[in-house]
Amino acid sequence: MTKNWAGNITFSAEVRSPRTVAEMQELVRLSERVRVLGSGHSFNRIADTDGTLVSVAALPRIAALEADDTVTIAAGLRYGEVTAYLQDEGRALHNLGSLPHISVAGACATGTHGSGDANRTLAAAVTSTTFIAADGELVTLTRDDPDFPGAIVSLGALGVTVELELETQPSYEISQVVYDGLPVARLGTDFEEIFSSAYSVSAFTDWVDPDVMVWRKMLAGTPYEPSWLGARIADGARHPIKAMPADFATQQGGVAGPWNERLPHFRLEFTPSNGEELQSEFFVPRAAAPQAFEELKALGQRLAPVIQISEIRTIAADDLWLSPSQGRDTVALHFTWIQDEPAVRPVVAALEEALLPLGARPHWGKVFTVDATTLRDCYPKISDFTALAAKYDPNGKFRNDYLNTYLPA
């Protein structure tokens, strides 16, 4: 049976991988229930189904730069493949997530993001989407369509995405510098300075250690200091988890390199370890970040038995209905846990109790415990989205237990 990347989910059906769009259309048309599995980097049953589980990875591998400098890609391509093509063409995307191994369509459908005060979610780069609707017909939506803002972070509820068009920009270089020993109190007192200090910034802590590690990804040529806010440049390469070897991490030490080889935390040519973690993530309004940090420090000893590391990133606001940063500049609070779900879930519930009053939104593809009513309060456009899903899938072909629980029709 097929499992997800972390190994904590066993899917109910075997994966089918049509090799042409026409074959996928026919499979959708004839199936009673359908869900799409991307690269399997979700940590809950968002992709599961008791019907037909499909992958778009075997569809023709399209990547074509258009005259308007958008790039048309097959939905099953991984970010690492798309970005290598763009770099060869002298073009780039605005941002990338931690892993270049994830599929573009899956990342966009679940609201995956990178970091940077001025950088929106990865899905915000989409200018056009083409998907197979419940009747097997192809539907294309562009940014001038009123349905578009609801159709990108779609959780797979509208259909099977087969093609995307992304906006690009001229290629650029990034220098990555890691700092050790930032006092944890500085996260709150110097929040604006820390997260505006580079094109993309990530801070790593376990909320018990008094020192924080900060990864600053700066446009090449940006000056940086050997000592900064009480922290110092690391004396060697670092992994986000201090005890782990840094072999898989992207180049550090201020060495300039292409955007696609510095913005991710991990190198494409290595496969990060799997089967040893769970993940949760909560998105709070930017103004609430200092209070959220205080809540997390107070929970430090509760987190300690199950946490591997926590990462803090910033995301600019967008208008995509189910995006975690819809309508507001956002701070992402990410948690990598040990793979022991019975031990982790009560801790996640404690996090939710502390963060939801601050306006936190749970990540769609990770471990959370809130019920549907609470989730509806977190994402104000859920009602609009469920109406949109019913428009393209009136009989619920693309629904599953996850959607029926959290986004009931």
Protein backbone atom coordinates (compact mmCIF):
# COMPACT_ATOMS: atom_id res chain seq x y z
CA MET A 1 0.00 0.00 0.00
CA THR A 2 1.09 3.57 -0.68
CA LYS A 3 2.20 5.77 2.22
CA ASN A 4 2.84 9.49 2.50
CA TRP A 5 6.35 10.96 2.74
CA ALA A 6 6.45 10.75 6.54
CA GLY A 7 4.98 7.24 6.64
CA ASN A 8 2.22 8.12 9.12
CA ILE A 9 -0.59 7.79 6.54
CA THR A 10 -1.40 4.64 4.55
CA PHE A 11 -3.71 5.47 1.68
CA SER A 12 -6.88 3.47 1.21
CA ALA A 13 -6.45 2.91 -2.53
CA GLU A 14 -3.62 2.11 -4.90
CA VAL A 15 -2.39 5.05 -6.98
CA ARG A 16 -3.27 5.15 -10.66
CA SER A 17 -1.03 7.20 -12.97
CA PRO A 18 -2.49 7.90 -16.43
CA ARG A 19 0.09 8.93 -19.03
CA THR A 20 -2.04 11.37 -21.02
CA VAL A 21 -4.52 14.08 -20.11
CA ALA A 22 -7.15 12.28 -22.20
CA GLU A 23 -6.65 9.10 -20.17
CA MET A 24 -6.97 11.11 -16.95
CA GLN A 25 -10.16 12.73 -18.22
CA GLU A 26 -11.69 9.33 -18.97
CA LEU A 27 -10.64 7.97 -15.57
CA VAL A 28 -12.24 10.94 -13.81
CA ARG A 29 -15.37 10.64 -15.93
CA LEU A 30 -15.85 6.95 -15.05
CA SER A 31 -14.92 7.17 -11.35
CA GLU A 32 -17.42 7.64 -8.53
CA ARG A 33 -14.86 9.22 -6.19
CA VAL A 34 -11.45 10.72 -7.08
CA ARG A 35 -8.61 12.32 -5.15
CA VAL A 36 -5.17 13.41 -6.32
CA LEU A 37 -1.92 12.50 -4.57
CA GLY A 38 0.97 14.89 -5.15
CA SER A 39 4.40 14.20 -3.71
CA GLY A 40 2.86 13.01 -0.43
CA HIS A 41 4.21 15.78 1.80
CA SER A 42 0.99 16.26 3.77
CA PHE A 43 0.70 14.80 7.26
CA ASN A 44 -3.04 14.11 7.42
CA ARG A 45 -5.68 12.43 5.24
CA ILE A 46 -6.33 15.40 2.96
CA ALA A 47 -5.46 13.29 -0.13
CA ASP A 48 -7.03 9.99 0.93
CA THR A 49 -10.07 8.38 -0.69
CA ASP A 50 -11.92 5.09 -0.75
CA GLY A 51 -12.42 5.67 -4.47
CA THR A 52 -9.82 6.30 -7.17
CA LEU A 53 -6.50 7.79 -6.08
CA VAL A 54 -4.62 9.35 -9.00
CA SER A 55 -1.21 10.90 -9.61
CA VAL A 56 -0.44 13.46 -12.32
CA ALA A 57 3.30 12.73 -12.17
CA ALA A 58 3.23 10.52 -15.29
CA LEU A 59 1.48 13.09 -17.51
CA PRO A 60 3.63 14.71 -20.24
CA ARG A 61 6.30 16.80 -18.56
CA ILE A 62 5.63 20.24 -19.97
CA ALA A 63 7.73 23.30 -19.09
CA ALA A 64 7.57 26.16 -21.56
CA LEU A 65 8.45 29.83 -21.17
CA GLU A 66 5.82 31.97 -22.86
CA ALA A 67 6.21 35.27 -24.73
CA ASP A 68 4.90 37.21 -21.72
CA ASP A 69 7.53 35.55 -19.47
CA THR A 70 5.03 33.32 -17.70
CA VAL A 71 5.92 29.63 -17.60
CA THR A 72 3.43 26.89 -18.46
CA ILE A 73 4.10 23.67 -16.56
CA ALA A 74 2.63 20.23 -16.06
CA ALA A 75 1.08 20.10 -12.61
CA GLY A 76 3.06 17.03 -11.54
CA LEU A 77 6.48 18.61 -11.90
CA ARG A 78 8.48 19.19 -8.74
CA TYR A 79 9.72 22.66 -7.88
CA GLY A 80 13.31 21.55 -8.33
CA GLU A 81 12.61 20.58 -11.94
CA VAL A 82 10.76 23.79 -12.78
CA THR A 83 13.31 26.06 -11.15
CA ALA A 84 16.26 24.40 -12.91
CA TYR A 85 14.50 24.99 -16.24
CA LEU A 86 13.77 28.62 -15.39
CA GLN A 87 17.33 29.27 -14.23
CA ASP A 88 18.63 27.95 -17.55
CA GLU A 89 16.27 30.42 -19.27
CA GLY A 90 17.43 33.34 -17.10
CA ARG A 91 14.10 33.51 -15.24
CA ALA A 92 13.04 32.88 -11.65
CA LEU A 93 10.08 32.53 -9.30
CA HIS A 94 9.51 35.03 -6.49
CA ASN A 95 10.06 32.45 -3.75
CA LEU A 96 10.41 28.78 -2.86
CA GLY A 97 9.55 26.50 0.05
CA SER A 98 11.99 24.61 2.24
CA LEU A 99 12.00 21.54 0.00
CA PRO A 100 12.49 21.59 -3.79
CA HIS A 101 11.19 17.99 -3.89
CA ILE A 102 7.48 18.88 -3.60
CA SER A 103 5.08 19.00 -6.55
CA VAL A 104 4.01 22.43 -7.76
CA ALA A 105 0.29 21.64 -7.94
CA GLY A 106 0.21 19.99 -4.51
CA ALA A 107 2.10 22.86 -2.91
CA CYS A 108 -0.23 25.46 -4.41
CA ALA A 109 -3.36 23.47 -3.51
CA THR A 110 -2.43 23.40 0.19
CA GLY A 111 -1.06 26.94 0.64
CA THR A 112 2.64 26.07 0.90
CA HIS A 113 4.97 29.07 1.32
CA GLY A 114 8.50 30.26 1.78
CA SER A 115 9.53 33.29 3.80
CA GLY A 116 10.06 37.02 3.35
CA ASP A 117 8.19 40.13 4.43
CA ALA A 118 7.39 40.99 0.80
CA ASN A 119 6.92 37.42 -0.45
CA ARG A 120 3.47 35.88 -0.83
CA THR A 121 2.61 32.16 -0.80
CA LEU A 122 3.84 30.01 -3.68
CA ALA A 123 0.28 29.83 -5.03
CA ALA A 124 0.27 33.61 -5.51
CA ALA A 125 2.55 33.13 -8.55
CA VAL A 126 -0.18 31.22 -10.42
CA THR A 127 -1.71 33.19 -13.30
CA SER A 128 -3.76 30.35 -14.84
CA THR A 129 -4.92 26.88 -13.82
CA THR A 130 -6.35 24.06 -15.93
CA PHE A 131 -8.15 21.21 -14.19
CA ILE A 132 -10.36 18.25 -15.04
CA ALA A 133 -13.80 18.82 -13.57
CA ALA A 134 -16.20 16.14 -12.36
CA ASP A 135 -17.67 15.57 -15.83
CA GLY A 136 -14.20 14.90 -17.26
CA GLU A 137 -14.04 18.19 -19.15
CA LEU A 138 -11.10 20.60 -18.96
CA VAL A 139 -11.65 23.95 -17.23
CA THR A 140 -9.17 26.85 -17.48
CA LEU A 141 -9.37 29.82 -15.12
CA THR A 142 -7.20 32.94 -15.32
CA ARG A 143 -6.73 35.85 -12.94
CA ASP A 144 -9.52 37.86 -14.57
CA ASP A 145 -12.07 35.14 -13.78
CA PRO A 146 -14.11 35.78 -10.59
CA ASP A 147 -13.67 32.11 -9.58
CA PHE A 148 -9.88 32.32 -9.75
CA PRO A 149 -9.12 33.39 -6.12
CA GLY A 150 -10.96 30.32 -4.86
CA ALA A 151 -9.52 27.86 -7.34
CA ILE A 152 -5.79 27.91 -6.55
CA VAL A 153 -5.52 26.89 -2.88
CA SER A 154 -8.22 24.35 -3.70
CA LEU A 155 -7.44 21.33 -1.45
CA GLY A 156 -8.21 19.18 -4.51
CA ALA A 157 -11.93 19.91 -4.16
CA LEU A 158 -12.57 21.32 -7.65
CA GLY A 159 -10.92 18.71 -9.83
CA VAL A 160 -7.62 17.25 -11.03
CA THR A 161 -5.17 20.04 -11.85
CA VAL A 162 -3.15 19.14 -14.95
CA GLU A 163 -1.49 22.43 -15.92
CA LEU A 164 -0.48 25.70 -14.29
CA GLU A 165 0.90 28.97 -15.55
CA LEU A 166 3.24 30.87 -13.21
CA GLU A 167 4.55 34.42 -13.37
CA THR A 168 8.34 34.73 -13.45
CA GLN A 169 10.93 37.45 -12.98
CA PRO A 170 14.56 37.87 -14.03
CA SER A 171 16.95 35.43 -12.36
CA TYR A 172 18.74 36.66 -9.24
CA GLU A 173 21.40 35.46 -6.80
CA ILE A 174 21.10 34.87 -3.07
CA SER A 175 23.73 34.68 -0.31
CA GLN A 176 22.73 32.63 2.72
CA VAL A 177 24.22 33.46 6.12
CA VAL A 178 23.41 31.54 9.30
CA TYR A 179 23.65 33.11 12.76
CA ASP A 180 23.85 31.24 16.06
CA GLY A 181 22.94 32.53 19.49
CA LEU A 182 20.21 35.09 18.90
CA PRO A 183 18.64 35.56 22.37
CA VAL A 184 15.10 34.21 22.22
CA ALA A 185 13.72 37.41 23.78
CA ARG A 186 14.87 39.28 20.67
CA LEU A 187 12.22 37.52 18.60
CA GLY A 188 9.64 39.78 20.21
CA THR A 189 11.61 42.93 20.97
CA ASP A 190 13.40 43.06 17.58
CA PHE A 191 10.88 41.23 15.43
CA GLU A 192 10.70 43.84 12.66
CA GLU A 193 14.47 44.20 12.37
CA ILE A 194 15.05 40.45 12.29
CA PHE A 195 12.52 39.58 9.62
CA SER A 196 13.13 42.62 7.41
CA SER A 197 16.88 42.00 7.41
CA ALA A 198 16.95 39.85 4.24
CA TYR A 199 14.96 38.75 1.22
CA SER A 200 13.94 35.63 3.16
CA VAL A 201 14.45 34.93 6.87
CA SER A 202 13.86 31.80 8.97
CA ALA A 203 14.37 31.53 12.72
CA PHE A 204 14.72 28.14 14.44
CA THR A 205 14.07 27.41 18.13
CA ASP A 206 12.62 24.72 20.37
CA TRP A 207 11.12 27.37 22.71
CA VAL A 208 13.27 26.11 25.62
CA ASP A 209 16.83 26.86 24.48
CA PRO A 210 17.63 30.54 25.20
CA ASP A 211 19.42 30.81 21.83
CA VAL A 212 17.79 30.98 18.39
CA MET A 213 19.39 30.13 15.04
CA VAL A 214 18.58 32.55 12.17
CA TRP A 215 19.00 31.85 8.43
CA ARG A 216 19.21 35.10 6.42
CA LYS A 217 18.85 34.65 2.65
CA MET A 218 20.00 37.98 1.19
CA LEU A 219 20.16 39.31 -2.34
CA ALA A 220 23.77 38.82 -3.41
CA GLY A 221 25.93 41.81 -2.59
CA THR A 222 23.96 42.79 0.51
CA PRO A 223 26.45 43.54 3.33
CA TYR A 224 26.13 41.59 6.56
CA GLU A 225 27.73 41.74 9.98
CA PRO A 226 29.78 39.08 11.81
CA SER A 227 27.80 39.93 14.97
CA TRP A 228 24.14 40.94 14.83
CA LEU A 229 21.58 41.53 17.61
CA GLY A 230 23.66 39.48 20.01
CA ALA A 231 24.08 36.60 17.54
CA ARG A 232 27.22 35.54 15.68
CA ILE A 233 27.85 33.98 12.28
CA ALA A 234 27.90 30.19 12.51
CA ASP A 235 31.34 28.62 12.41
CA GLY A 236 30.20 25.97 9.92
CA ALA A 237 27.24 24.67 7.95
CA ARG A 238 24.03 24.06 9.85
CA HIS A 239 20.94 21.86 9.57
CA PRO A 240 17.68 23.36 10.94
CA ILE A 241 17.88 20.72 13.68
CA LYS A 242 21.20 21.39 15.41
CA ALA A 243 21.99 17.74 16.08
CA MET A 244 21.55 16.71 12.43
CA PRO A 245 24.39 16.73 9.87
CA ALA A 246 24.29 19.64 7.43
CA ASP A 247 25.12 17.62 4.29
CA PHE A 248 21.61 18.03 2.84
CA ALA A 249 21.39 21.79 3.55
CA THR A 250 21.85 24.39 0.83
CA GLN A 251 25.11 26.38 0.62
CA GLN A 252 25.68 28.78 3.53
CA GLY A 253 28.59 31.01 4.57
CA GLY A 254 27.56 33.97 2.43
CA VAL A 255 28.54 32.29 -0.85
CA ALA A 256 26.40 33.80 -3.62
CA GLY A 257 24.51 31.42 -5.87
CA PRO A 258 21.37 31.04 -7.99
CA TRP A 259 18.05 31.72 -6.28
CA ASN A 260 16.90 28.11 -6.77
CA GLU A 261 19.97 26.77 -4.95
CA ARG A 262 19.70 29.09 -1.92
CA LEU A 263 16.02 29.82 -1.16
CA PRO A 264 15.20 26.19 -0.25
CA HIS A 265 16.73 24.89 2.97
CA PHE A 266 17.61 21.53 1.36
CA ARG A 267 19.40 20.50 -1.81
CA LEU A 268 17.45 18.86 -4.62
CA GLU A 269 20.10 16.21 -5.23
CA PHE A 270 19.59 14.78 -1.74
CA THR A 271 16.43 13.15 -0.47
CA PRO A 272 15.75 14.41 3.08
CA SER A 273 15.16 11.75 5.71
CA ASN A 274 11.55 10.68 6.04
CA GLY A 275 9.48 8.50 8.30
CA GLU A 276 10.78 10.18 11.45
CA GLU A 277 8.55 13.20 11.96
CA LEU A 278 5.14 14.82 12.02
CA GLN A 279 4.49 18.49 11.30
CA SER A 280 2.02 21.18 12.36
CA GLU A 281 1.87 24.83 11.36
CA PHE A 282 -0.16 27.81 12.51
CA PHE A 283 -0.39 31.21 10.85
CA VAL A 284 -0.97 34.30 13.01
CA PRO A 285 -1.50 37.92 11.95
CA ARG A 286 1.83 39.74 11.83
CA ALA A 287 0.79 42.13 14.61
CA ALA A 288 0.14 39.17 16.92
CA ALA A 289 3.60 37.63 16.51
CA PRO A 290 5.23 39.02 19.71
CA GLN A 291 2.32 37.79 21.84
CA ALA A 292 2.45 34.40 20.09
CA PHE A 293 6.15 34.11 20.95
CA GLU A 294 5.37 34.72 24.63
CA GLU A 295 2.69 32.02 24.55
CA LEU A 296 5.10 29.55 22.97
CA LYS A 297 7.87 30.27 25.46
CA ALA A 298 5.36 29.63 28.25
CA LEU A 299 4.55 26.26 26.62
CA GLY A 300 8.22 25.34 26.14
CA GLN A 301 8.35 22.55 28.72
CA ARG A 302 5.09 21.11 27.38
CA LEU A 303 6.54 21.04 23.86
CA ALA A 304 9.94 19.68 24.87
CA PRO A 305 9.19 15.91 24.94
CA VAL A 306 7.80 15.85 21.38
CA ILE A 307 9.37 18.74 19.44
CA GLN A 308 12.36 18.46 17.12
CA ILE A 309 12.40 22.10 15.98
CA SER A 310 10.13 25.07 15.39
CA GLU A 311 10.58 27.50 12.48
CA ILE A 312 9.32 31.07 12.23
CA ARG A 313 8.76 32.70 8.82
CA THR A 314 6.89 35.72 7.45
CA ILE A 315 4.48 35.84 4.48
CA ALA A 316 2.91 38.80 2.69
CA ALA A 317 -0.87 39.04 2.32
CA ASP A 318 -2.69 37.66 -0.73
CA ASP A 319 -6.30 37.34 -1.89
CA LEU A 320 -6.57 33.56 -2.39
CA TRP A 321 -9.59 32.37 -0.42
CA LEU A 322 -8.07 29.43 1.48
CA SER A 323 -4.54 30.80 1.66
CA PRO A 324 -3.18 31.00 5.23
CA SER A 325 -2.26 34.64 4.54
CA GLN A 326 -5.52 35.60 2.82
CA GLY A 327 -6.23 39.24 3.61
CA ARG A 328 -3.37 39.79 6.04
CA ASP A 329 0.40 39.82 6.45
CA THR A 330 1.19 36.66 8.34
CA VAL A 331 3.76 34.96 10.57
CA ALA A 332 4.05 31.19 10.16
CA LEU A 333 4.84 29.11 13.25
CA HIS A 334 5.99 25.69 12.12
CA PHE A 335 6.58 22.66 14.35
CA THR A 336 8.46 19.47 13.49
CA TRP A 337 7.50 16.72 15.94
CA ILE A 338 8.69 13.23 16.70
CA GLN A 339 6.58 10.64 14.93
CA ASP A 340 4.34 9.69 17.86
CA GLU A 341 0.87 10.97 17.07
CA PRO A 342 -0.77 9.98 20.39
CA ALA A 343 1.88 12.02 22.22
CA VAL A 344 1.84 14.90 19.73
CA ARG A 345 -1.90 15.57 19.40
CA PRO A 346 -2.49 16.77 23.02
CA VAL A 347 0.44 19.16 22.61
CA VAL A 348 -1.02 20.45 19.34
CA ALA A 349 -4.32 21.01 21.14
CA ALA A 350 -2.50 23.06 23.78
CA LEU A 351 -0.88 25.12 21.02
CA GLU A 352 -4.26 25.75 19.47
CA GLU A 353 -5.70 26.85 22.79
CA ALA A 354 -2.92 29.43 23.06
CA LEU A 355 -2.77 30.59 19.43
CA LEU A 356 -6.34 30.52 18.14
CA PRO A 357 -7.39 33.53 20.28
CA LEU A 358 -4.62 35.43 18.46
CA GLY A 359 -6.22 34.65 15.08
CA ALA A 360 -4.16 31.57 14.17
CA ARG A 361 -5.07 29.49 11.12
CA PRO A 362 -4.00 25.80 10.96
CA HIS A 363 -2.15 24.53 7.88
CA TRP A 364 -4.50 22.44 5.72
CA GLY A 365 -2.01 19.62 5.16
CA LYS A 366 -0.53 19.17 8.62
CA VAL A 367 -1.54 17.89 12.05
CA PHE A 368 -4.25 19.91 13.80
CA THR A 369 -7.08 19.05 16.19
CA VAL A 370 -9.65 21.86 15.79
CA ASP A 371 -13.19 21.00 14.71
CA ALA A 372 -15.01 22.24 11.61
CA THR A 373 -16.81 25.06 13.40
CA THR A 374 -13.56 26.47 14.77
CA LEU A 375 -11.83 26.08 11.42
CA ARG A 376 -14.62 28.01 9.71
CA ASP A 377 -13.94 30.92 12.07
CA CYS A 378 -10.24 30.80 11.16
CA TYR A 379 -10.78 31.00 7.39
CA PRO A 380 -13.47 33.59 6.60
CA LYS A 381 -13.86 32.57 2.93
CA ILE A 382 -14.76 28.91 3.59
CA SER A 383 -18.45 29.42 2.73
CA ASP A 384 -17.52 31.03 -0.58
CA PHE A 385 -15.16 28.18 -1.31
CA THR A 386 -17.64 25.39 -0.57
CA ALA A 387 -20.12 27.09 -2.93
CA LEU A 388 -17.41 27.24 -5.60
CA ALA A 389 -16.56 23.55 -5.12
CA ALA A 390 -20.25 22.66 -5.52
CA LYS A 391 -20.34 24.63 -8.79
CA TYR A 392 -17.61 22.50 -10.38
CA ASP A 393 -18.34 19.27 -8.50
CA PRO A 394 -22.10 19.23 -7.75
CA ASN A 395 -22.19 15.55 -6.81
CA GLY A 396 -19.11 15.53 -4.61
CA LYS A 397 -16.87 13.35 -6.80
CA PHE A 398 -13.73 14.99 -5.38
CA ARG A 399 -14.89 14.93 -1.78
CA ASN A 400 -13.48 12.64 0.89
CA ASP A 401 -13.78 12.23 4.66
CA TYR A 402 -11.40 15.15 5.25
CA LEU A 403 -13.43 17.61 3.18
CA ASN A 404 -16.75 16.27 4.50
CA THR A 405 -15.48 16.86 8.03
CA TYR A 406 -13.86 20.29 7.74
CA LEU A 407 -15.57 21.85 4.69
CA PRO A 408 -19.01 20.20 4.62
CA ALA A 409 -21.03 20.93 1.49
